Amino acid sequence: MNDLAGAVWRKSTRSGGSGGDCVEVADNLPGVIGVRDSKDQAGPALRFSPTAWSAFVHQARHGLR
């Protein structure tokens, strides 16, 4: 998968005031979606293909069936 250099990170719209328990997502790069802990921005990031990320988001919204 692609490197995350040049990623533009954004917090989840569901983050709200949860006391810092947030994830950030970068979806501006072709072929890769990055996910990281907002409290550890220099730490590791997960990388997903756009297809895998879309499937994850769908399942998170609609539950497992």
N, C-alpha and C. Protein backbone atom coordinates (compact mmCIF):
# COMPACT_ATOMS: atom_id res chain seq x y z
N MET A 1 0.84 -1.19 0.00
CA MET A 1 0.00 0.00 0.00
C MET A 1 0.88 1.24 0.00
N ASN A 2 0.27 2.34 -0.32
CA ASN A 2 0.99 3.60 -0.45
C ASN A 2 1.45 4.16 0.87
N ASP A 3 2.48 5.00 0.79
CA ASP A 3 2.99 5.75 1.92
C ASP A 3 1.96 6.82 2.30
N LEU A 4 1.99 7.28 3.54
CA LEU A 4 1.04 8.31 3.99
C LEU A 4 1.64 9.71 3.99
N ALA A 5 2.81 9.88 3.35
CA ALA A 5 3.38 11.22 3.21
C ALA A 5 2.40 12.08 2.43
N GLY A 6 2.13 13.26 2.90
CA GLY A 6 1.18 14.16 2.24
C GLY A 6 -0.26 13.96 2.68
N ALA A 7 -0.47 13.07 3.64
CA ALA A 7 -1.83 12.82 4.13
C ALA A 7 -2.38 14.06 4.82
N VAL A 8 -3.64 14.33 4.58
CA VAL A 8 -4.36 15.40 5.27
C VAL A 8 -5.31 14.71 6.24
N TRP A 9 -5.02 14.86 7.54
CA TRP A 9 -5.77 14.16 8.58
C TRP A 9 -6.95 14.98 9.05
N ARG A 10 -8.06 14.30 9.34
CA ARG A 10 -9.24 14.96 9.91
C ARG A 10 -9.84 14.05 10.98
N LYS A 11 -10.41 14.67 12.00
CA LYS A 11 -11.05 13.90 13.06
C LYS A 11 -12.43 13.45 12.61
N SER A 12 -12.86 12.36 13.17
CA SER A 12 -14.20 11.86 12.91
C SER A 12 -15.23 12.90 13.33
N THR A 13 -16.29 13.00 12.58
CA THR A 13 -17.38 13.91 12.96
C THR A 13 -18.08 13.42 14.21
N ARG A 14 -17.87 12.18 14.58
CA ARG A 14 -18.47 11.59 15.79
C ARG A 14 -17.58 11.77 17.02
N SER A 15 -16.43 12.43 16.87
CA SER A 15 -15.50 12.56 17.98
C SER A 15 -16.08 13.39 19.12
N GLY A 16 -16.71 14.50 18.79
CA GLY A 16 -17.33 15.34 19.81
C GLY A 16 -16.40 15.68 20.95
N GLY A 17 -16.91 15.71 22.15
CA GLY A 17 -16.12 16.01 23.33
C GLY A 17 -15.82 14.76 24.12
N SER A 18 -15.29 13.76 23.47
CA SER A 18 -15.11 12.46 24.11
C SER A 18 -13.86 12.38 24.98
N GLY A 19 -13.23 13.50 25.26
CA GLY A 19 -12.06 13.46 26.13
C GLY A 19 -10.80 12.98 25.44
N GLY A 20 -10.70 13.12 24.14
CA GLY A 20 -9.49 12.76 23.44
C GLY A 20 -9.44 11.35 22.88
N ASP A 21 -10.49 10.57 23.04
CA ASP A 21 -10.50 9.22 22.49
C ASP A 21 -11.00 9.29 21.05
N CYS A 22 -10.14 9.79 20.18
CA CYS A 22 -10.56 10.05 18.80
C CYS A 22 -9.61 9.37 17.81
N VAL A 23 -10.12 9.13 16.64
CA VAL A 23 -9.28 8.70 15.53
C VAL A 23 -9.29 9.79 14.47
N GLU A 24 -8.25 9.79 13.68
CA GLU A 24 -8.17 10.69 12.54
C GLU A 24 -8.06 9.83 11.28
N VAL A 25 -8.65 10.33 10.22
CA VAL A 25 -8.66 9.61 8.95
C VAL A 25 -8.07 10.52 7.88
N ALA A 26 -7.27 9.93 7.02
CA ALA A 26 -6.74 10.64 5.85
C ALA A 26 -7.24 9.90 4.62
N ASP A 27 -8.04 10.59 3.82
CA ASP A 27 -8.59 9.96 2.62
C ASP A 27 -8.29 10.75 1.36
N ASN A 28 -7.24 11.56 1.42
CA ASN A 28 -6.90 12.39 0.27
C ASN A 28 -5.86 11.78 -0.65
N LEU A 29 -5.35 10.61 -0.32
CA LEU A 29 -4.31 9.99 -1.13
C LEU A 29 -4.91 8.88 -2.00
N PRO A 30 -4.44 8.74 -3.23
CA PRO A 30 -4.98 7.69 -4.10
C PRO A 30 -4.59 6.30 -3.62
N GLY A 31 -5.56 5.41 -3.51
CA GLY A 31 -5.30 4.02 -3.23
C GLY A 31 -5.07 3.64 -1.78
N VAL A 32 -5.19 4.58 -0.86
CA VAL A 32 -4.95 4.25 0.55
C VAL A 32 -5.75 5.18 1.46
N ILE A 33 -6.27 4.60 2.54
CA ILE A 33 -6.94 5.36 3.59
C ILE A 33 -6.10 5.16 4.85
N GLY A 34 -5.72 6.25 5.49
CA GLY A 34 -4.94 6.17 6.72
C GLY A 34 -5.84 6.41 7.93
N VAL A 35 -5.55 5.71 9.02
CA VAL A 35 -6.29 5.88 10.27
C VAL A 35 -5.25 5.89 11.39
N ARG A 36 -5.35 6.91 12.27
CA ARG A 36 -4.41 6.99 13.38
C ARG A 36 -5.10 7.51 14.64
N ASP A 37 -4.43 7.34 15.76
CA ASP A 37 -4.89 7.83 17.05
C ASP A 37 -4.58 9.32 17.13
N SER A 38 -5.59 10.14 17.39
CA SER A 38 -5.37 11.59 17.43
C SER A 38 -4.46 12.02 18.57
N LYS A 39 -4.34 11.20 19.61
CA LYS A 39 -3.48 11.54 20.74
C LYS A 39 -2.02 11.20 20.44
N ASP A 40 -1.74 10.40 19.43
CA ASP A 40 -0.39 9.97 19.10
C ASP A 40 -0.15 10.17 17.62
N GLN A 41 -0.14 11.41 17.20
CA GLN A 41 -0.06 11.72 15.78
C GLN A 41 1.25 11.29 15.14
N ALA A 42 2.32 11.16 15.93
CA ALA A 42 3.59 10.69 15.39
C ALA A 42 3.71 9.17 15.45
N GLY A 43 2.73 8.53 16.04
CA GLY A 43 2.76 7.08 16.19
C GLY A 43 2.34 6.36 14.93
N PRO A 44 2.12 5.08 15.05
CA PRO A 44 1.78 4.28 13.87
C PRO A 44 0.39 4.61 13.33
N ALA A 45 0.21 4.33 12.07
CA ALA A 45 -1.09 4.53 11.42
C ALA A 45 -1.46 3.24 10.70
N LEU A 46 -2.73 2.94 10.71
CA LEU A 46 -3.24 1.81 9.94
C LEU A 46 -3.48 2.26 8.51
N ARG A 47 -3.31 1.36 7.58
CA ARG A 47 -3.54 1.66 6.17
C ARG A 47 -4.56 0.67 5.63
N PHE A 48 -5.55 1.20 4.95
CA PHE A 48 -6.61 0.38 4.36
C PHE A 48 -6.72 0.70 2.88
N SER A 49 -7.13 -0.29 2.11
CA SER A 49 -7.50 0.00 0.73
C SER A 49 -8.84 0.73 0.78
N PRO A 50 -9.16 1.53 -0.22
CA PRO A 50 -10.47 2.18 -0.22
C PRO A 50 -11.63 1.19 -0.13
N THR A 51 -11.51 0.03 -0.77
CA THR A 51 -12.57 -0.98 -0.71
C THR A 51 -12.74 -1.52 0.71
N ALA A 52 -11.63 -1.84 1.37
CA ALA A 52 -11.69 -2.35 2.74
C ALA A 52 -12.25 -1.29 3.69
N TRP A 53 -11.83 -0.04 3.51
CA TRP A 53 -12.33 1.03 4.38
C TRP A 53 -13.83 1.22 4.19
N SER A 54 -14.28 1.21 2.95
CA SER A 54 -15.71 1.36 2.67
C SER A 54 -16.51 0.24 3.32
N ALA A 55 -16.01 -0.99 3.25
CA ALA A 55 -16.69 -2.12 3.87
C ALA A 55 -16.73 -1.96 5.39
N PHE A 56 -15.64 -1.50 5.99
CA PHE A 56 -15.60 -1.27 7.43
C PHE A 56 -16.61 -0.22 7.85
N VAL A 57 -16.63 0.90 7.15
CA VAL A 57 -17.57 1.98 7.49
C VAL A 57 -19.01 1.50 7.33
N HIS A 58 -19.29 0.75 6.29
CA HIS A 58 -20.63 0.22 6.09
C HIS A 58 -21.04 -0.66 7.26
N GLN A 59 -20.17 -1.57 7.67
CA GLN A 59 -20.47 -2.47 8.78
C GLN A 59 -20.62 -1.69 10.09
N ALA A 60 -19.80 -0.67 10.29
CA ALA A 60 -19.90 0.12 11.51
C ALA A 60 -21.24 0.88 11.57
N ARG A 61 -21.70 1.33 10.43
CA ARG A 61 -22.97 2.07 10.39
C ARG A 61 -24.18 1.16 10.50
N HIS A 62 -24.11 0.01 9.90
CA HIS A 62 -25.29 -0.85 9.75
C HIS A 62 -25.24 -2.13 10.56
N GLY A 63 -24.12 -2.40 11.20
CA GLY A 63 -24.00 -3.61 12.01
C GLY A 63 -23.73 -4.84 11.19
N LEU A 64 -23.27 -5.86 11.85
CA LEU A 64 -22.99 -7.13 11.17
C LEU A 64 -24.28 -7.87 10.89
N ARG A 65 -24.34 -8.53 9.76
CA ARG A 65 -25.53 -9.29 9.39
C ARG A 65 -25.17 -10.65 8.95
